[in-house]
Amino acid sequence: MEITPVKLTDLPQIMAIEKAGFSSAEAGTEAAYRERIAKLGETFLVARDRAVVLGFIVGPATGARYIADEMFTTTPTNLERGGHQLVFTLAVSPLARHQRVGSQLLAALEADARAKGRLSMSLTCLERLVPFYERNGFVNQGVAESQHAGETWYNLEKVWDQ
């Protein structure tokens, strides 16, 4: 497995993984993913086995500490340095789950964020996923303000020493 920046040719496999991992209300649209590929190329990583996409992670580096729902509608542009690394989506193909693909994607994005002077990495997730993120060093900061898909989301954050 290798982790590389996203390519537009990855889009069909990304959409298949997105649809397999999220409800139709939660999932990003193809248009949203096209915008994310265009705007977030540096912070959109894909785990692959040759031409097969095993999983992906994407999110902007912004001045905001946590994700706001409007960011799902209009993708923010990455800061060059500093700020906070947000994670919109971490998704793994059903065929590659329980093989540490998600943890490796988190680690790769964190390494990039640290190298660019980011202060932290944060995301929102459903309650059932909180233990996974805690095992990866994130701290549950409680219920998020998000109303996305009518679900209850939790803010998870990982802060590191500069």
N, C-alpha and C. Protein backbone atom coordinates (compact mmCIF):
# COMPACT_ATOMS: atom_id res chain seq x y z
N MET A 1 0.84 -1.17 0.00
CA MET A 1 0.00 0.00 0.00
C MET A 1 0.88 1.24 0.00
N GLU A 2 0.46 2.24 -0.76
CA GLU A 2 1.13 3.53 -0.72
C GLU A 2 0.09 4.63 -0.55
N ILE A 3 0.52 5.73 0.05
CA ILE A 3 -0.36 6.89 0.24
C ILE A 3 0.18 8.01 -0.61
N THR A 4 -0.69 8.53 -1.50
CA THR A 4 -0.29 9.55 -2.45
C THR A 4 -1.35 10.66 -2.50
N PRO A 5 -0.99 11.81 -3.07
CA PRO A 5 -2.02 12.82 -3.29
C PRO A 5 -3.08 12.28 -4.27
N VAL A 6 -4.29 12.79 -4.14
CA VAL A 6 -5.40 12.39 -4.99
C VAL A 6 -5.15 12.77 -6.44
N LYS A 7 -5.74 12.00 -7.35
CA LYS A 7 -5.76 12.33 -8.78
C LYS A 7 -7.23 12.35 -9.21
N LEU A 8 -7.56 13.16 -10.18
CA LEU A 8 -8.94 13.23 -10.65
C LEU A 8 -9.42 11.86 -11.14
N THR A 9 -8.53 11.05 -11.66
CA THR A 9 -8.92 9.71 -12.13
C THR A 9 -9.33 8.79 -10.98
N ASP A 10 -9.05 9.18 -9.72
CA ASP A 10 -9.47 8.40 -8.56
C ASP A 10 -10.95 8.61 -8.24
N LEU A 11 -11.57 9.64 -8.82
CA LEU A 11 -12.92 10.04 -8.43
C LEU A 11 -13.95 8.91 -8.44
N PRO A 12 -14.05 8.08 -9.49
CA PRO A 12 -15.07 7.02 -9.45
C PRO A 12 -14.91 6.08 -8.25
N GLN A 13 -13.68 5.70 -7.92
CA GLN A 13 -13.46 4.82 -6.78
C GLN A 13 -13.74 5.54 -5.45
N ILE A 14 -13.38 6.81 -5.38
CA ILE A 14 -13.66 7.61 -4.18
C ILE A 14 -15.16 7.67 -3.95
N MET A 15 -15.93 7.91 -5.01
CA MET A 15 -17.38 8.00 -4.86
C MET A 15 -17.98 6.66 -4.43
N ALA A 16 -17.45 5.56 -4.94
CA ALA A 16 -17.95 4.24 -4.53
C ALA A 16 -17.68 4.00 -3.04
N ILE A 17 -16.49 4.39 -2.57
CA ILE A 17 -16.15 4.23 -1.15
C ILE A 17 -17.02 5.14 -0.30
N GLU A 18 -17.24 6.37 -0.75
CA GLU A 18 -18.07 7.33 -0.03
C GLU A 18 -19.49 6.78 0.14
N LYS A 19 -20.05 6.25 -0.93
CA LYS A 19 -21.42 5.73 -0.88
C LYS A 19 -21.53 4.47 -0.01
N ALA A 20 -20.44 3.70 0.05
CA ALA A 20 -20.45 2.49 0.88
C ALA A 20 -20.32 2.82 2.36
N GLY A 21 -19.73 3.98 2.68
CA GLY A 21 -19.45 4.30 4.07
C GLY A 21 -20.39 5.28 4.74
N PHE A 22 -21.20 5.97 3.94
CA PHE A 22 -22.06 7.02 4.50
C PHE A 22 -23.47 6.91 3.94
N SER A 23 -24.44 7.34 4.73
CA SER A 23 -25.83 7.38 4.25
C SER A 23 -25.92 8.42 3.14
N SER A 24 -26.98 8.39 2.37
CA SER A 24 -27.14 9.36 1.28
C SER A 24 -27.20 10.79 1.82
N ALA A 25 -27.73 10.97 3.02
CA ALA A 25 -27.79 12.31 3.62
C ALA A 25 -26.41 12.78 4.09
N GLU A 26 -25.55 11.85 4.51
CA GLU A 26 -24.22 12.18 5.01
C GLU A 26 -23.20 12.34 3.90
N ALA A 27 -23.32 11.57 2.84
CA ALA A 27 -22.29 11.47 1.80
C ALA A 27 -22.12 12.77 1.02
N GLY A 28 -20.88 13.02 0.64
CA GLY A 28 -20.58 14.14 -0.24
C GLY A 28 -20.99 13.80 -1.67
N THR A 29 -21.31 14.82 -2.43
CA THR A 29 -21.71 14.63 -3.83
C THR A 29 -20.47 14.57 -4.73
N GLU A 30 -20.68 14.11 -5.95
CA GLU A 30 -19.57 14.10 -6.90
C GLU A 30 -19.07 15.52 -7.14
N ALA A 31 -19.98 16.48 -7.24
CA ALA A 31 -19.57 17.88 -7.44
C ALA A 31 -18.71 18.37 -6.27
N ALA A 32 -19.09 18.02 -5.04
CA ALA A 32 -18.31 18.42 -3.86
C ALA A 32 -16.91 17.80 -3.92
N TYR A 33 -16.84 16.54 -4.34
CA TYR A 33 -15.52 15.89 -4.42
C TYR A 33 -14.68 16.45 -5.55
N ARG A 34 -15.29 16.84 -6.64
CA ARG A 34 -14.52 17.51 -7.71
C ARG A 34 -13.92 18.81 -7.18
N GLU A 35 -14.72 19.57 -6.41
CA GLU A 35 -14.23 20.82 -5.84
C GLU A 35 -13.11 20.54 -4.83
N ARG A 36 -13.26 19.51 -4.02
CA ARG A 36 -12.24 19.16 -3.03
C ARG A 36 -10.94 18.74 -3.72
N ILE A 37 -11.04 17.98 -4.79
CA ILE A 37 -9.84 17.59 -5.53
C ILE A 37 -9.14 18.83 -6.08
N ALA A 38 -9.92 19.76 -6.62
CA ALA A 38 -9.34 20.98 -7.20
C ALA A 38 -8.73 21.89 -6.14
N LYS A 39 -9.39 22.06 -5.01
CA LYS A 39 -8.96 23.02 -3.99
C LYS A 39 -8.04 22.45 -2.92
N LEU A 40 -8.15 21.15 -2.65
CA LEU A 40 -7.46 20.57 -1.51
C LEU A 40 -6.45 19.48 -1.91
N GLY A 41 -5.88 19.62 -3.08
CA GLY A 41 -4.96 18.59 -3.57
C GLY A 41 -3.84 18.23 -2.61
N GLU A 42 -3.37 19.21 -1.84
CA GLU A 42 -2.28 18.94 -0.89
C GLU A 42 -2.75 18.21 0.36
N THR A 43 -4.04 18.30 0.67
CA THR A 43 -4.55 17.68 1.89
C THR A 43 -5.65 16.67 1.58
N PHE A 44 -5.55 16.07 0.42
CA PHE A 44 -6.47 15.01 -0.02
C PHE A 44 -5.58 13.84 -0.39
N LEU A 45 -5.49 12.87 0.52
CA LEU A 45 -4.60 11.73 0.35
C LEU A 45 -5.39 10.46 0.08
N VAL A 46 -4.79 9.60 -0.74
CA VAL A 46 -5.41 8.34 -1.14
C VAL A 46 -4.47 7.20 -0.80
N ALA A 47 -5.01 6.16 -0.15
CA ALA A 47 -4.26 4.92 0.07
C ALA A 47 -4.60 4.01 -1.09
N ARG A 48 -3.57 3.46 -1.71
CA ARG A 48 -3.84 2.64 -2.89
C ARG A 48 -2.94 1.42 -2.93
N ASP A 49 -3.46 0.42 -3.59
CA ASP A 49 -2.70 -0.78 -3.93
C ASP A 49 -2.70 -0.81 -5.45
N ARG A 50 -1.62 -0.33 -6.03
CA ARG A 50 -1.52 -0.10 -7.48
C ARG A 50 -2.64 0.85 -7.92
N ALA A 51 -3.54 0.41 -8.77
CA ALA A 51 -4.61 1.29 -9.27
C ALA A 51 -5.87 1.26 -8.41
N VAL A 52 -5.88 0.43 -7.37
CA VAL A 52 -7.08 0.27 -6.55
C VAL A 52 -7.02 1.20 -5.34
N VAL A 53 -8.02 2.07 -5.21
CA VAL A 53 -8.12 2.97 -4.06
C VAL A 53 -8.68 2.17 -2.88
N LEU A 54 -7.91 2.14 -1.79
CA LEU A 54 -8.31 1.42 -0.59
C LEU A 54 -9.04 2.33 0.39
N GLY A 55 -8.73 3.62 0.35
CA GLY A 55 -9.34 4.59 1.24
C GLY A 55 -8.80 5.96 0.95
N PHE A 56 -9.39 6.97 1.62
CA PHE A 56 -8.95 8.34 1.41
C PHE A 56 -9.25 9.18 2.64
N ILE A 57 -8.53 10.32 2.72
CA ILE A 57 -8.75 11.32 3.77
C ILE A 57 -8.66 12.68 3.10
N VAL A 58 -9.56 13.57 3.49
CA VAL A 58 -9.57 14.91 2.89
C VAL A 58 -10.10 15.93 3.87
N GLY A 59 -9.53 17.12 3.83
CA GLY A 59 -10.02 18.24 4.61
C GLY A 59 -9.13 19.44 4.41
N PRO A 60 -9.66 20.62 4.70
CA PRO A 60 -8.88 21.84 4.52
C PRO A 60 -8.05 22.21 5.74
N ALA A 61 -7.01 22.98 5.50
CA ALA A 61 -6.23 23.60 6.57
C ALA A 61 -6.72 25.03 6.66
N THR A 62 -7.35 25.39 7.79
CA THR A 62 -8.00 26.69 7.93
C THR A 62 -7.64 27.34 9.25
N GLY A 63 -8.12 28.56 9.43
CA GLY A 63 -7.96 29.24 10.71
C GLY A 63 -8.95 28.75 11.74
N ALA A 64 -9.98 28.04 11.31
CA ALA A 64 -11.01 27.53 12.22
C ALA A 64 -10.53 26.26 12.91
N ARG A 65 -10.83 26.15 14.20
CA ARG A 65 -10.42 24.97 14.98
C ARG A 65 -11.29 23.75 14.68
N TYR A 66 -12.58 24.00 14.38
CA TYR A 66 -13.52 22.91 14.12
C TYR A 66 -14.25 23.13 12.80
N ILE A 67 -14.82 22.06 12.29
CA ILE A 67 -15.59 22.10 11.05
C ILE A 67 -16.92 22.81 11.28
N ALA A 68 -17.29 23.67 10.34
CA ALA A 68 -18.61 24.30 10.33
C ALA A 68 -19.38 23.72 9.15
N ASP A 69 -20.68 23.52 9.32
CA ASP A 69 -21.50 22.89 8.27
C ASP A 69 -21.36 23.55 6.91
N GLU A 70 -21.22 24.89 6.88
CA GLU A 70 -21.13 25.57 5.58
C GLU A 70 -19.88 25.17 4.80
N MET A 71 -18.87 24.63 5.48
CA MET A 71 -17.67 24.16 4.79
C MET A 71 -17.96 22.97 3.88
N PHE A 72 -19.03 22.22 4.19
CA PHE A 72 -19.41 21.10 3.34
C PHE A 72 -20.04 21.59 2.03
N THR A 73 -20.60 22.80 2.05
CA THR A 73 -21.23 23.37 0.86
C THR A 73 -20.20 24.08 -0.02
N THR A 74 -19.35 24.89 0.61
CA THR A 74 -18.30 25.61 -0.11
C THR A 74 -16.97 25.25 0.53
N THR A 75 -16.14 24.54 -0.19
CA THR A 75 -14.86 24.07 0.33
C THR A 75 -13.91 25.25 0.55
N PRO A 76 -13.39 25.41 1.78
CA PRO A 76 -12.40 26.47 2.01
C PRO A 76 -11.09 26.16 1.29
N THR A 77 -10.32 27.19 1.05
CA THR A 77 -8.99 27.03 0.46
C THR A 77 -7.99 26.77 1.58
N ASN A 78 -7.01 25.92 1.33
CA ASN A 78 -5.98 25.62 2.32
C ASN A 78 -5.11 26.84 2.63
N LEU A 79 -4.81 27.03 3.91
CA LEU A 79 -3.76 27.96 4.29
C LEU A 79 -2.42 27.34 3.89
N GLU A 80 -1.47 28.16 3.52
CA GLU A 80 -0.15 27.61 3.17
C GLU A 80 0.55 27.06 4.40
N ARG A 81 0.48 27.82 5.51
CA ARG A 81 1.13 27.40 6.75
C ARG A 81 0.24 27.77 7.92
N GLY A 82 0.45 27.09 9.05
CA GLY A 82 -0.28 27.41 10.27
C GLY A 82 -1.73 26.96 10.22
N GLY A 83 -2.51 27.46 11.16
CA GLY A 83 -3.92 27.11 11.23
C GLY A 83 -4.14 25.72 11.79
N HIS A 84 -5.26 25.15 11.42
CA HIS A 84 -5.67 23.84 11.92
C HIS A 84 -6.02 22.94 10.74
N GLN A 85 -5.62 21.69 10.82
CA GLN A 85 -5.98 20.72 9.79
C GLN A 85 -7.32 20.10 10.15
N LEU A 86 -8.31 20.30 9.30
CA LEU A 86 -9.62 19.69 9.51
C LEU A 86 -9.74 18.45 8.63
N VAL A 87 -10.55 17.50 9.06
CA VAL A 87 -10.80 16.29 8.28
C VAL A 87 -12.29 16.23 7.98
N PHE A 88 -12.64 16.42 6.73
CA PHE A 88 -14.04 16.28 6.31
C PHE A 88 -14.43 14.80 6.27
N THR A 89 -13.53 14.01 5.66
CA THR A 89 -13.86 12.60 5.44
C THR A 89 -12.63 11.73 5.59
N LEU A 90 -12.81 10.64 6.29
CA LEU A 90 -11.87 9.52 6.30
C LEU A 90 -12.74 8.32 5.97
N ALA A 91 -12.46 7.67 4.85
CA ALA A 91 -13.28 6.53 4.43
C ALA A 91 -12.39 5.44 3.87
N VAL A 92 -12.75 4.21 4.18
CA VAL A 92 -11.99 3.04 3.74
C VAL A 92 -12.94 2.09 3.03
N SER A 93 -12.47 1.53 1.94
CA SER A 93 -13.25 0.55 1.19
C SER A 93 -13.65 -0.61 2.10
N PRO A 94 -14.89 -1.11 1.95
CA PRO A 94 -15.29 -2.28 2.75
C PRO A 94 -14.33 -3.46 2.61
N LEU A 95 -13.65 -3.56 1.47
CA LEU A 95 -12.71 -4.67 1.25
C LEU A 95 -11.38 -4.48 1.96
N ALA A 96 -11.12 -3.27 2.48
CA ALA A 96 -9.83 -2.99 3.11
C ALA A 96 -9.96 -2.61 4.59
N ARG A 97 -11.14 -2.76 5.15
CA ARG A 97 -11.34 -2.39 6.55
C ARG A 97 -10.60 -3.37 7.48
N HIS A 98 -10.28 -2.88 8.66
CA HIS A 98 -9.58 -3.66 9.70
C HIS A 98 -8.17 -4.05 9.27
N GLN A 99 -7.57 -3.20 8.40
CA GLN A 99 -6.18 -3.42 7.96
C GLN A 99 -5.32 -2.20 8.27
N ARG A 100 -5.82 -1.31 9.16
CA ARG A 100 -5.11 -0.10 9.59
C ARG A 100 -4.96 0.96 8.50
N VAL A 101 -5.74 0.86 7.44
CA VAL A 101 -5.68 1.85 6.37
C VAL A 101 -6.08 3.22 6.90
N GLY A 102 -7.18 3.29 7.65
CA GLY A 102 -7.64 4.56 8.20
C GLY A 102 -6.60 5.18 9.13
N SER A 103 -6.02 4.38 10.00
CA SER A 103 -5.00 4.90 10.92
C SER A 103 -3.78 5.41 10.16
N GLN A 104 -3.39 4.72 9.10
CA GLN A 104 -2.24 5.16 8.31
C GLN A 104 -2.55 6.46 7.56
N LEU A 105 -3.77 6.61 7.08
CA LEU A 105 -4.15 7.86 6.42
C LEU A 105 -4.14 9.02 7.42
N LEU A 106 -4.66 8.80 8.63
CA LEU A 106 -4.61 9.84 9.67
C LEU A 106 -3.17 10.24 9.96
N ALA A 107 -2.29 9.25 10.09
CA ALA A 107 -0.89 9.53 10.41
C ALA A 107 -0.22 10.31 9.28
N ALA A 108 -0.52 9.98 8.05
CA ALA A 108 0.09 10.68 6.91
C ALA A 108 -0.37 12.14 6.85
N LEU A 109 -1.66 12.38 7.07
CA LEU A 109 -2.16 13.75 7.06
C LEU A 109 -1.61 14.53 8.25
N GLU A 110 -1.49 13.89 9.40
CA GLU A 110 -0.91 14.55 10.57
C GLU A 110 0.55 14.94 10.30
N ALA A 111 1.32 14.06 9.70
CA ALA A 111 2.72 14.37 9.40
C ALA A 111 2.82 15.60 8.50
N ASP A 112 1.95 15.68 7.50
CA ASP A 112 1.94 16.84 6.61
C ASP A 112 1.53 18.09 7.38
N ALA A 113 0.52 17.98 8.24
CA ALA A 113 0.05 19.12 9.02
C ALA A 113 1.15 19.64 9.96
N ARG A 114 1.82 18.74 10.61
CA ARG A 114 2.91 19.15 11.51
C ARG A 114 4.02 19.85 10.74
N ALA A 115 4.37 19.31 9.56
CA ALA A 115 5.43 19.91 8.75
C ALA A 115 5.06 21.31 8.29
N LYS A 116 3.78 21.60 8.19
CA LYS A 116 3.32 22.92 7.73
C LYS A 116 2.91 23.82 8.89
N GLY A 117 3.30 23.45 10.10
CA GLY A 117 3.08 24.30 11.26
C GLY A 117 1.64 24.39 11.74
N ARG A 118 0.83 23.41 11.41
CA ARG A 118 -0.56 23.42 11.90
C ARG A 118 -0.54 23.19 13.41
N LEU A 119 -1.55 23.74 14.10
CA LEU A 119 -1.63 23.62 15.56
C LEU A 119 -2.31 22.35 16.02
N SER A 120 -3.22 21.83 15.17
CA SER A 120 -4.01 20.68 15.58
C SER A 120 -4.67 20.04 14.36
N MET A 121 -5.32 18.93 14.62
CA MET A 121 -6.13 18.26 13.60
C MET A 121 -7.46 17.94 14.27
N SER A 122 -8.57 18.24 13.59
CA SER A 122 -9.87 17.93 14.18
C SER A 122 -10.85 17.45 13.13
N LEU A 123 -11.90 16.81 13.62
CA LEU A 123 -12.92 16.24 12.74
C LEU A 123 -14.19 16.08 13.54
N THR A 124 -15.27 15.80 12.83
CA THR A 124 -16.52 15.42 13.50
C THR A 124 -16.82 13.98 13.12
N CYS A 125 -17.39 13.24 14.05
CA CYS A 125 -17.76 11.86 13.76
C CYS A 125 -18.99 11.46 14.57
N LEU A 126 -19.59 10.37 14.17
CA LEU A 126 -20.71 9.80 14.90
C LEU A 126 -20.19 9.09 16.15
N GLU A 127 -21.06 8.93 17.14
CA GLU A 127 -20.65 8.36 18.42
C GLU A 127 -19.98 6.99 18.28
N ARG A 128 -20.46 6.16 17.37
CA ARG A 128 -19.89 4.82 17.23
C ARG A 128 -18.42 4.82 16.77
N LEU A 129 -17.96 5.95 16.20
CA LEU A 129 -16.58 6.03 15.72
C LEU A 129 -15.62 6.71 16.70
N VAL A 130 -16.16 7.25 17.79
CA VAL A 130 -15.32 7.94 18.77
C VAL A 130 -14.18 7.04 19.27
N PRO A 131 -14.42 5.78 19.63
CA PRO A 131 -13.31 4.94 20.11
C PRO A 131 -12.17 4.77 19.09
N PHE A 132 -12.51 4.66 17.81
CA PHE A 132 -11.46 4.55 16.78
C PHE A 132 -10.55 5.77 16.81
N TYR A 133 -11.14 6.96 16.83
CA TYR A 133 -10.33 8.17 16.83
C TYR A 133 -9.56 8.34 18.13
N GLU A 134 -10.15 7.94 19.25
CA GLU A 134 -9.43 8.00 20.52
C GLU A 134 -8.21 7.08 20.48
N ARG A 135 -8.33 5.92 19.87
CA ARG A 135 -7.18 5.01 19.73
C ARG A 135 -6.08 5.64 18.87
N ASN A 136 -6.46 6.60 18.04
CA ASN A 136 -5.50 7.28 17.17
C ASN A 136 -5.06 8.63 17.76
N GLY A 137 -5.27 8.81 19.06
CA GLY A 137 -4.74 9.97 19.76
C GLY A 137 -5.63 11.19 19.82
N PHE A 138 -6.86 11.10 19.33
CA PHE A 138 -7.78 12.22 19.37
C PHE A 138 -8.51 12.25 20.71
N VAL A 139 -8.92 13.45 21.12
CA VAL A 139 -9.67 13.64 22.36
C VAL A 139 -11.07 14.10 22.00
N ASN A 140 -12.06 13.46 22.60
CA ASN A 140 -13.46 13.82 22.37
C ASN A 140 -13.74 15.15 23.07
N GLN A 141 -14.10 16.17 22.28
CA GLN A 141 -14.39 17.50 22.82
C GLN A 141 -15.89 17.73 22.99
N GLY A 142 -16.68 16.67 22.84
CA GLY A 142 -18.12 16.78 23.07
C GLY A 142 -18.92 16.97 21.80
N VAL A 143 -20.21 17.16 21.97
CA VAL A 143 -21.14 17.28 20.85
C VAL A 143 -20.82 18.54 20.04
N ALA A 144 -20.75 18.36 18.73
CA ALA A 144 -20.48 19.47 17.81
C ALA A 144 -21.75 20.26 17.54
N GLU A 145 -21.58 21.46 17.03
CA GLU A 145 -22.72 22.29 16.66
C GLU A 145 -23.36 21.82 15.36
N SER A 146 -22.71 20.92 14.65
CA SER A 146 -23.16 20.48 13.34
C SER A 146 -24.58 19.91 13.33
N GLN A 147 -25.30 20.27 12.30
CA GLN A 147 -26.64 19.72 12.05
C GLN A 147 -26.61 18.83 10.81
N HIS A 148 -25.41 18.53 10.29
CA HIS A 148 -25.25 17.79 9.05
C HIS A 148 -26.03 16.47 9.08
N ALA A 149 -26.85 16.28 8.07
CA ALA A 149 -27.64 15.05 7.87
C ALA A 149 -28.57 14.74 9.05
N GLY A 150 -28.83 15.73 9.91
CA GLY A 150 -29.72 15.51 11.05
C GLY A 150 -29.16 14.55 12.09
N GLU A 151 -27.85 14.35 12.09
CA GLU A 151 -27.18 13.42 13.01
C GLU A 151 -26.57 14.18 14.18
N THR A 152 -26.23 13.46 15.25
CA THR A 152 -25.46 14.03 16.36
C THR A 152 -24.00 13.71 16.11
N TRP A 153 -23.20 14.76 15.97
CA TRP A 153 -21.78 14.63 15.66
C TRP A 153 -20.96 15.04 16.88
N TYR A 154 -19.77 14.49 16.98
CA TYR A 154 -18.85 14.81 18.07
C TYR A 154 -17.58 15.42 17.49
N ASN A 155 -17.07 16.46 18.16
CA ASN A 155 -15.79 17.05 17.78
C ASN A 155 -14.68 16.22 18.40
N LEU A 156 -13.78 15.76 17.57
CA LEU A 156 -12.58 15.05 18.03
C LEU A 156 -11.39 15.88 17.61
N GLU A 157 -10.43 16.03 18.51
CA GLU A 157 -9.30 16.92 18.22
C GLU A 157 -8.01 16.29 18.71
N LYS A 158 -6.96 16.54 17.96
CA LYS A 158 -5.61 16.11 18.34
C LYS A 158 -4.72 17.35 18.27
N VAL A 159 -4.18 17.73 19.41
CA VAL A 159 -3.31 18.89 19.50
C VAL A 159 -1.91 18.39 19.81
N TRP A 160 -0.92 18.97 19.19
CA TRP A 160 0.46 18.55 19.45
C TRP A 160 1.29 19.74 19.89
N ASP A 161 2.39 19.44 20.53
CA ASP A 161 3.33 20.48 20.96
C ASP A 161 4.05 21.01 19.73
N GLN A 162 4.23 22.29 19.71
CA GLN A 162 4.95 22.92 18.59
C GLN A 162 6.40 22.83 18.90
